[in-house]
Protein backbone atom coordinates (compact mmCIF):
# COMPACT_ATOMS: atom_id res chain seq x y z
CA VAL A 1 -10.99 16.01 -29.70
CA LEU A 2 -8.28 18.95 -29.55
CA MET A 3 -6.79 19.55 -26.58
CA ALA A 4 -4.99 22.97 -26.75
CA CYS A 5 -1.74 23.60 -25.00
CA ARG A 6 0.05 27.03 -26.40
CA ALA A 7 3.08 29.10 -25.47
CA GLN A 8 2.61 32.51 -25.24
CA ASP A 9 5.26 34.32 -28.23
CA GLY A 10 8.21 35.97 -26.66
CA GLY A 11 8.77 33.10 -24.03
CA VAL A 12 13.05 31.48 -24.14
CA LEU A 13 13.36 29.27 -26.88
CA PRO A 14 13.97 26.17 -27.58
CA VAL A 15 10.24 25.34 -25.76
CA THR A 16 9.78 21.32 -25.62
CA ARG A 17 5.93 19.98 -25.29
CA GLN A 18 5.26 16.71 -23.89
CA TRP A 19 2.36 14.71 -23.13
CA TYR A 20 1.01 12.12 -21.21
CA ARG A 21 -1.91 9.99 -20.29
CA ASP A 22 -2.59 8.93 -16.64
CA GLY A 23 1.41 9.03 -15.98
CA SER A 24 2.07 7.22 -19.47
CA MET A 25 3.73 9.57 -22.39
CA VAL A 26 2.16 10.23 -25.28
CA ARG A 27 3.66 9.21 -28.67
CA ASP A 28 2.71 10.72 -31.89
CA GLY A 29 1.17 7.98 -33.98
CA GLY A 30 -2.56 5.98 -33.90
CA ALA A 31 -5.11 8.03 -32.88
CA TYR A 32 -2.97 10.75 -30.98
CA ARG A 33 -1.57 13.52 -33.05
CA VAL A 34 1.35 15.35 -31.06
CA MET A 35 1.02 18.86 -32.65
CA ASP A 36 2.55 22.32 -32.16
CA ASP A 37 -0.37 24.10 -30.60
CA GLY A 38 -1.51 20.84 -28.55
CA LEU A 39 -2.86 17.07 -29.08
CA LYS A 40 -5.59 15.88 -30.74
CA ILE A 41 -7.23 12.51 -30.68
CA CYS A 42 -8.77 11.18 -33.94
CA GLY A 43 -12.19 9.38 -33.67
CA ALA A 44 -11.70 9.73 -29.78
CA ARG A 45 -14.21 7.04 -27.51
CA PRO A 46 -14.92 7.83 -23.87
CA GLU A 47 -14.38 3.97 -23.47
CA THR A 48 -10.88 3.91 -25.24
CA HIS A 49 -9.01 7.59 -24.36
CA ALA A 50 -11.00 8.65 -21.28
CA GLY A 51 -8.24 9.55 -18.36
CA LEU A 52 -5.84 12.31 -17.10
CA HIS A 53 -4.20 14.03 -20.41
CA THR A 54 -0.63 16.24 -19.04
CA CYS A 55 0.67 19.04 -20.72
CA ARG A 56 4.13 19.10 -19.88
CA VAL A 57 6.28 22.96 -21.54
CA SER A 58 9.39 23.10 -20.85
CA ASN A 59 12.80 25.09 -21.48
CA ARG A 60 15.78 26.00 -20.27
CA ILE A 61 14.40 28.42 -16.91
CA GLY A 62 12.10 25.72 -15.76
CA PHE A 63 9.01 24.13 -17.24
CA THR A 64 4.75 24.39 -15.96
CA THR A 65 1.76 21.48 -16.44
CA LYS A 66 -1.79 21.42 -17.43
CA ASN A 67 -4.49 19.13 -16.45
CA PHE A 68 -6.68 17.48 -19.16
CA THR A 69 -9.57 15.54 -18.08
CA LEU A 70 -11.25 13.70 -20.32
CA PRO A 71 -14.30 11.64 -18.30
CA PRO A 72 -15.18 7.71 -19.15
CA THR A 73 -18.58 8.50 -20.34
CA SER A 74 -20.00 11.92 -22.31
CA CYS A 75 -23.57 12.43 -22.84
CA THR A 76 -23.24 12.05 -27.00
CA GLY A 77 -20.79 8.71 -26.54
CA MET A 78 -17.94 11.08 -28.08
CA TRP A 79 -16.63 14.30 -26.74
CA VAL A 80 -17.18 17.88 -28.09
CA LYS A 81 -14.79 19.02 -30.74
CA GLU A 82 -12.21 21.13 -27.81
CA ILE A 83 -11.08 20.21 -24.80
CA GLN A 84 -10.54 23.47 -22.40
CA ALA A 85 -7.89 23.22 -19.38
CA ASP A 86 -9.56 22.33 -15.95
CA GLY A 87 -8.44 25.37 -13.61
CA GLY A 88 -5.90 28.37 -13.92
CA ILE A 89 -1.93 27.28 -14.76
CA ASP A 90 -0.07 24.95 -12.23
CA GLN A 91 2.37 26.33 -9.74
CA PRO A 92 6.44 25.80 -11.18
CA HIS A 93 7.99 22.97 -9.97
CA THR A 94 10.73 23.62 -8.11
CA THR A 95 11.96 26.18 -10.93
CA PRO A 96 10.35 29.07 -13.00
CA PRO A 97 8.01 28.77 -15.63
CA PRO A 98 9.20 29.59 -18.93
CA SER A 99 8.41 32.59 -20.36
CA GLY A 100 4.86 31.54 -21.80
CA SER A 101 1.68 29.97 -21.00
CA ILE A 102 -0.64 27.34 -21.62
CA ALA A 103 -3.32 29.37 -23.18
CA ALA A 104 -7.03 27.23 -22.23
CA THR A 105 -9.22 27.94 -19.56
CA ALA A 106 -11.89 26.41 -17.65
CA LYS A 107 -15.24 26.76 -19.39
CA PRO A 108 -17.70 23.06 -19.60
CA SER A 109 -19.79 22.50 -22.93
CA GLN A 110 -22.90 24.13 -23.35
CA GLN A 111 -24.14 21.34 -25.89
CA CYS A 112 -23.06 18.60 -23.06
CA ASN A 113 -25.03 20.37 -20.69
CA ASP A 114 -28.22 20.75 -23.10
CA VAL A 115 -28.04 16.99 -24.11
CA ILE A 116 -27.50 15.91 -20.21
CA ARG A 117 -30.79 18.40 -19.37
CA THR A 118 -32.45 16.72 -22.54
CA MET A 119 -31.86 13.21 -21.34
CA GLN A 120 -32.85 14.25 -17.64
CA ALA A 121 -36.09 15.70 -18.96
CA THR A 122 -36.93 12.19 -20.99
CA ILE A 123 -35.88 10.35 -18.45
CA ASP A 124 -38.04 12.12 -15.65
CA ALA A 125 -41.42 12.04 -18.25
CA GLN A 126 -40.66 8.13 -18.65
CA ALA A 127 -40.66 7.55 -15.19
CA ARG A 128 -43.81 9.71 -14.47
CA ARG A 129 -45.34 7.79 -16.99
CA MET A 130 -43.89 4.55 -15.11
CA ALA A 131 -45.50 6.06 -12.44
CA GLU A 132 -49.09 6.73 -14.28
CA LEU A 133 -49.46 3.20 -15.62
CA LYS A 134 -48.49 1.22 -12.39
CA THR A 135 -51.49 3.28 -10.59
CA GLY A 136 -53.44 2.37 -13.85
CA MET A 137 -52.60 -1.09 -13.32
CA LYS A 138 -53.35 -1.36 -9.63
CA LYS A 139 -57.15 0.25 -10.37
CA MET A 140 -57.71 -1.99 -13.20
CA GLU A 141 -56.77 -5.14 -10.84
CA ALA A 142 -58.62 -3.62 -7.93
CA ALA A 143 -61.54 -3.43 -10.11
CA MET A 144 -61.30 -6.86 -11.63
CA ARG A 145 -61.10 -8.36 -8.13
CA THR A 146 -64.93 -6.57 -7.77
CA GLU A 147 -65.85 -7.77 -10.86
CA LYS A 148 -64.73 -10.93 -10.11
CA SER A 149 -66.48 -10.79 -6.68
CA VAL A 150 -69.86 -10.06 -8.23
CA LEU A 151 -69.40 -13.25 -10.83
CA ALA A 152 -69.33 -15.49 -8.19
CA GLU A 153 -72.03 -13.73 -6.83
CA ARG A 154 -74.20 -14.45 -9.80
CA VAL A 155 -73.11 -17.91 -10.40
CA ALA A 156 -74.03 -19.12 -7.12
CA ALA A 157 -77.47 -17.45 -7.39
CA LEU A 158 -77.81 -18.90 -10.69
CA SER A 159 -76.50 -22.10 -9.22
CA GLY A 160 -79.09 -22.41 -6.70
CA ASN A 161 -81.91 -21.36 -8.91
CA LEU A 162 -81.22 -24.17 -11.21
CA THR A 163 -81.31 -26.72 -8.04
CA GLU A 164 -84.76 -25.23 -7.51
CA CYS A 165 -85.68 -25.79 -11.13
CA GLY A 166 -84.45 -29.38 -11.07
CA GLY A 167 -86.21 -30.07 -7.51
CA LYS A 168 -89.55 -28.65 -9.29
CA LEU A 169 -89.19 -30.40 -12.60
CA ARG A 170 -88.63 -33.86 -10.09
CA ALA A 171 -91.97 -32.67 -8.89
CA ALA A 172 -94.08 -32.30 -11.40
CA SER A 173 -92.41 -35.31 -12.98
CA ARG A 174 -94.12 -37.23 -10.23
CA GLN A 175 -97.12 -35.46 -10.09
CA SER A 176 -97.56 -36.20 -14.14
CA SER A 177 -96.77 -40.18 -13.50
CA GLU A 178 -99.82 -39.78 -11.04
CA GLN A 179 -101.98 -37.95 -13.20
CA ARG A 180 -101.63 -40.76 -16.24
CA SER A 181 -101.83 -43.13 -13.39
CA CYS A 182 -105.30 -41.81 -12.62
CA CYS A 183 -106.14 -41.63 -16.11
CA ARG A 184 -105.75 -44.94 -16.87
CA GLN A 185 -107.63 -46.35 -14.02
CA ALA A 186 -110.68 -43.80 -15.09
CA ALA A 187 -110.46 -45.01 -18.30
CA GLU A 188 -110.10 -48.73 -16.96
CA ALA A 189 -113.28 -47.95 -14.95
CA ASP A 190 -115.22 -46.83 -18.24
CA ILE A 191 -114.42 -49.44 -19.48
CA LYS A 192 -115.51 -52.09 -17.10
CA HIS A 193 -118.61 -49.60 -16.49
CA SER A 194 -119.50 -50.42 -20.41
CA ALA A 195 -119.40 -53.79 -20.18
CA CYS A 196 -121.78 -54.19 -17.55
CA GLN A 197 -123.71 -51.50 -19.36
CA LYS A 198 -123.75 -53.84 -22.65
CA LEU A 199 -124.55 -57.06 -20.20
CA ILE A 200 -127.41 -55.73 -18.44
CA SER A 201 -129.11 -54.43 -21.54
CA ARG A 202 -128.12 -58.20 -23.10
CA MET A 203 -130.32 -59.85 -20.27
CA ARG A 204 -133.25 -57.19 -20.70
CA GLU A 205 -133.51 -58.63 -24.21
CA LEU A 206 -133.45 -62.51 -23.43
CA MET A 207 -135.29 -61.66 -20.80
CA HIS A 208 -138.36 -60.15 -22.61
CA GLY A 209 -137.74 -62.82 -25.40
CA GLY A 210 -138.13 -65.59 -23.47
CA GLY A 211 -141.40 -64.82 -21.45
CA VAL A 212 -139.51 -63.90 -18.46
CA SER A 213 -140.29 -60.90 -16.26
CA SER A 214 -138.02 -58.13 -15.87
CA ILE A 215 -136.03 -57.99 -12.71
């Protein structure tokens, strides 16, 4: 990040520049590079270097300041390469400003705005997709409840049919038992009738053989 702070040529020399972050003086070293034409932050990160940076330019006539605001978040994780000052030149403090001014104008980053719009469009698309998924889930749940009700009715009908079939099978079993009993009785009657016929035939043979007249 480069925050440009330049004094115009032709002013009263010497000119002194001092930088402050949130009211504390910024010294050259570490990530900060204090240069003749501005302040450079090497490897700037929003979570580390965010805050209000102030450039104070002074000479023996007076001084003026310019503020640079680095937001706590950015669209890409790092700020744009050069930060412009926010607003016009501040009014002088107690004494007239030195001959010269801070060469900076307010100008938002088009790249950052494009990224923000793209991210917002993506978020909106995801929100619409989530709404569609929720609607689809509700329709599926309604269809599943309907199918469950239909299946329950079919199971109840099948259960009734099985009960009816069981009753018919038991009745058929009883009828079959009665038929078997009748068959046994008929067979026994046939056996007895056959035995009687044989006995009558034998008696007739005996009567004819012994000179006994038939009955």
